[in-house]
Amino acid sequence: MTAEDINGLMGRDMRFEAGEMVLPFTVEGFLMSFSVPNFFFHATTAYDILRVKGLPLGKRDFLGRPRLKG
């Protein structure tokens, strides 16, 4: 997909369905208020479980490499 294709989705209606639950969103609302928070919740939970199990992980492992200018 191109950037124009992605940008063309803004403002469109979409819905998330799980069993009988139906949640109406706009595309950007779904991304920013549902998908991104859920991604970080699950990434953080997996990270925490690995740390509790003894894997030597630190904050830098979670954050990754910074995208510095230059």
Protein backbone atom coordinates (compact mmCIF):
# COMPACT_ATOMS: atom_id res chain seq x y z
CA MET A 1 0.00 0.00 0.00
CA THR A 2 1.13 3.54 -0.62
CA ALA A 3 1.03 6.42 1.85
CA GLU A 4 -1.87 7.82 -0.15
CA ASP A 5 -3.78 4.53 0.23
CA ILE A 6 -3.28 4.58 4.00
CA ASN A 7 -4.13 8.28 4.32
CA GLY A 8 -7.26 7.69 2.25
CA LEU A 9 -8.63 5.47 5.03
CA MET A 10 -8.83 8.32 7.55
CA GLY A 11 -12.34 9.14 8.65
CA ARG A 12 -13.82 5.92 7.30
CA ASP A 13 -16.07 3.86 9.51
CA MET A 14 -15.00 0.43 10.64
CA ARG A 15 -16.04 -1.94 13.36
CA PHE A 16 -14.27 -4.45 15.54
CA GLU A 17 -16.18 -7.65 16.13
CA ALA A 18 -15.39 -10.36 18.67
CA GLY A 19 -18.16 -12.89 19.10
CA GLU A 20 -21.31 -10.93 19.93
CA MET A 21 -19.39 -7.75 20.81
CA VAL A 22 -19.36 -5.07 18.10
CA LEU A 23 -17.41 -1.84 18.61
CA PRO A 24 -17.89 0.96 16.05
CA PHE A 25 -14.82 3.11 15.29
CA THR A 26 -13.33 5.38 12.69
CA VAL A 27 -10.18 3.85 11.22
CA GLU A 28 -7.88 6.28 13.09
CA GLY A 29 -9.89 5.87 16.30
CA PHE A 30 -9.43 2.10 16.11
CA LEU A 31 -5.73 2.44 15.49
CA MET A 32 -4.97 5.03 18.16
CA SER A 33 -7.41 4.07 20.93
CA PHE A 34 -7.58 0.29 20.52
CA SER A 35 -4.79 -1.25 18.44
CA VAL A 36 -1.77 0.73 19.65
CA PRO A 37 -2.67 0.48 23.38
CA ASN A 38 -3.35 -3.27 23.01
CA PHE A 39 -0.02 -3.78 21.23
CA PHE A 40 1.90 -2.04 24.01
CA PHE A 41 -0.06 -3.86 26.73
CA HIS A 42 0.83 -7.24 25.25
CA ALA A 43 4.44 -6.29 24.49
CA THR A 44 4.90 -5.04 28.05
CA THR A 45 3.25 -8.11 29.53
CA ALA A 46 5.48 -10.46 27.52
CA TYR A 47 8.54 -8.41 28.52
CA ASP A 48 7.54 -8.56 32.20
CA ILE A 49 6.96 -12.32 32.10
CA LEU A 50 10.36 -12.87 30.51
CA ARG A 51 12.03 -10.71 33.17
CA VAL A 52 10.26 -12.55 35.99
CA LYS A 53 11.45 -15.84 34.47
CA GLY A 54 15.04 -14.59 34.72
CA LEU A 55 15.83 -13.31 31.24
CA PRO A 56 18.27 -10.41 31.65
CA LEU A 57 16.22 -7.68 29.98
CA GLY A 58 16.40 -3.97 30.72
CA LYS A 59 14.68 -0.80 29.64
CA ARG A 60 16.89 -0.47 26.56
CA ASP A 61 15.78 -3.91 25.37
CA PHE A 62 12.16 -2.78 25.47
CA LEU A 63 12.74 0.64 23.90
CA GLY A 64 15.10 -0.50 21.16
CA ARG A 65 17.49 1.76 19.30
CA PRO A 66 16.57 5.46 19.26
CA ARG A 67 16.03 6.98 15.81
CA LEU A 68 18.43 9.88 16.14
CA LYS A 69 18.63 12.72 13.67
CA GLY A 70 21.63 12.60 11.39
